[in-house]
Protein backbone atom coordinates (compact mmCIF):
# COMPACT_ATOMS: atom_id res chain seq x y z
CA MET A 1 0.03 0.00 0.08
CA ARG A 2 1.63 3.32 -1.11
CA VAL A 3 0.16 5.36 1.75
CA ALA A 4 1.88 2.98 4.27
CA GLU A 5 5.14 3.21 2.33
CA LEU A 6 5.05 7.02 2.33
CA ALA A 7 4.39 6.89 6.07
CA HIS A 8 7.23 4.36 6.67
CA LEU A 9 4.79 2.00 8.26
CA GLU A 10 5.51 -1.66 8.31
CA LEU A 11 2.20 -3.45 8.00
CA SER A 12 1.38 -7.21 7.82
CA GLU A 13 -0.61 -8.53 4.84
CA ALA A 14 -3.70 -8.74 7.05
CA GLU A 15 -3.38 -5.10 8.07
CA ILE A 16 -2.86 -4.02 4.50
CA GLU A 17 -6.05 -5.89 3.51
CA MET A 18 -8.07 -4.44 6.44
CA PHE A 19 -6.81 -0.82 5.94
CA SER A 20 -7.33 -1.05 2.14
CA ARG A 21 -11.00 -1.99 2.72
CA GLN A 22 -11.43 0.67 5.23
CA LEU A 23 -9.90 3.33 3.02
CA ASP A 24 -12.02 2.09 0.03
CA SER A 25 -15.09 2.51 2.22
CA ILE A 26 -14.16 6.02 3.27
CA LEU A 27 -13.51 7.02 -0.38
CA THR A 28 -16.82 5.48 -1.53
CA TYR A 29 -18.60 7.50 1.11
CA ALA A 30 -16.84 10.67 0.15
CA GLU A 31 -17.81 10.15 -3.51
CA LYS A 32 -21.45 9.91 -2.48
CA LEU A 33 -21.08 13.50 -1.17
CA ASN A 34 -20.29 14.58 -4.74
CA GLU A 35 -23.76 13.49 -5.78
CA LEU A 36 -25.33 16.12 -3.66
CA ASP A 37 -26.71 19.17 -5.51
CA THR A 38 -24.84 22.21 -3.79
CA SER A 39 -25.52 24.64 -6.68
CA LYS A 40 -27.85 26.65 -4.41
CA VAL A 41 -25.63 26.57 -1.46
CA GLU A 42 -23.71 29.82 -0.88
CA PRO A 43 -19.98 29.27 -0.14
CA MET A 44 -18.97 29.87 3.43
CA ALA A 45 -15.71 31.24 4.74
CA GLN A 46 -16.57 30.54 8.35
CA VAL A 47 -18.92 27.80 9.62
CA LEU A 48 -21.16 29.17 12.28
CA SER A 49 -24.26 27.87 14.02
CA ASP A 50 -27.47 29.94 13.88
CA ASP A 51 -27.03 31.36 17.32
CA GLN A 52 -23.39 32.53 16.65
CA THR A 53 -21.94 35.65 15.09
CA ALA A 54 -18.53 36.07 13.53
CA ASP A 55 -17.36 38.43 16.27
CA ALA A 56 -18.37 35.94 18.96
CA THR A 57 -16.16 33.23 17.51
CA LEU A 58 -13.19 35.09 16.24
CA ARG A 59 -10.69 37.14 18.24
CA GLU A 60 -8.56 40.09 17.29
CA ASP A 61 -5.11 39.23 15.97
CA LEU A 62 -2.49 40.52 18.40
CA ILE A 63 1.23 40.62 17.85
CA VAL A 64 3.00 39.31 20.98
CA PRO A 65 6.72 39.54 21.10
CA CYS A 66 8.41 36.14 21.78
CA ALA A 67 12.02 36.39 22.58
CA VAL A 68 12.91 32.73 23.21
CA ALA A 69 15.34 32.23 20.31
CA GLU A 70 18.39 33.35 22.31
CA ASP A 71 17.58 31.03 25.18
CA VAL A 72 16.89 28.11 22.88
CA LEU A 73 20.13 28.72 21.00
CA LYS A 74 21.97 28.51 24.24
CA HIS A 75 21.06 24.85 24.53
CA ALA A 76 21.65 23.90 20.99
CA PRO A 77 24.50 21.49 20.20
CA ASP A 78 25.63 23.67 17.19
CA PRO A 79 24.04 27.17 17.31
CA GLU A 80 24.32 29.60 14.52
CA PRO A 81 21.71 32.25 14.95
CA PRO A 82 18.89 32.36 14.12
CA TYR A 83 19.05 28.57 13.54
CA PHE A 84 20.83 25.52 14.98
CA ARG A 85 21.90 22.15 13.63
CA VAL A 86 21.24 18.95 15.36
CA PRO A 87 22.17 15.33 14.59
CA LYS A 88 19.98 13.61 11.98
CA VAL A 89 17.42 11.40 13.55
CA ILE A 90 15.40 10.17 10.53
CA GLU A 91 16.86 7.37 8.58
CA ARG A 92 15.51 5.70 5.50
C-alpha cells in the first residue's frame, strides 16, 4: 500500500487488506457526497451555527513578542543564529 510506504509503516498483509478495505469504504462515502446538489448553497468562509456571530467566535489578532530564540540557541549543540543544527534522527 503506497500510503503505508510513504508513512514508513511496516504493515502485515492482514493489516494492509483491512486498511485497504477501510480506505475504500471512506472514499466510496466521500464520492457519494459529490452526488449532492450544492448549486444553491452559498459558499462559506466561516462555519457558524445559527446562534453565533462572527465576532463571537473570532478574536482580534494581536502581535505578541516572543524572545525565546536566544535562550533556545544557548542549549543547541551547534548554534548559529537564528538557527541551529542537530544530529540527523530520521533514517531511510
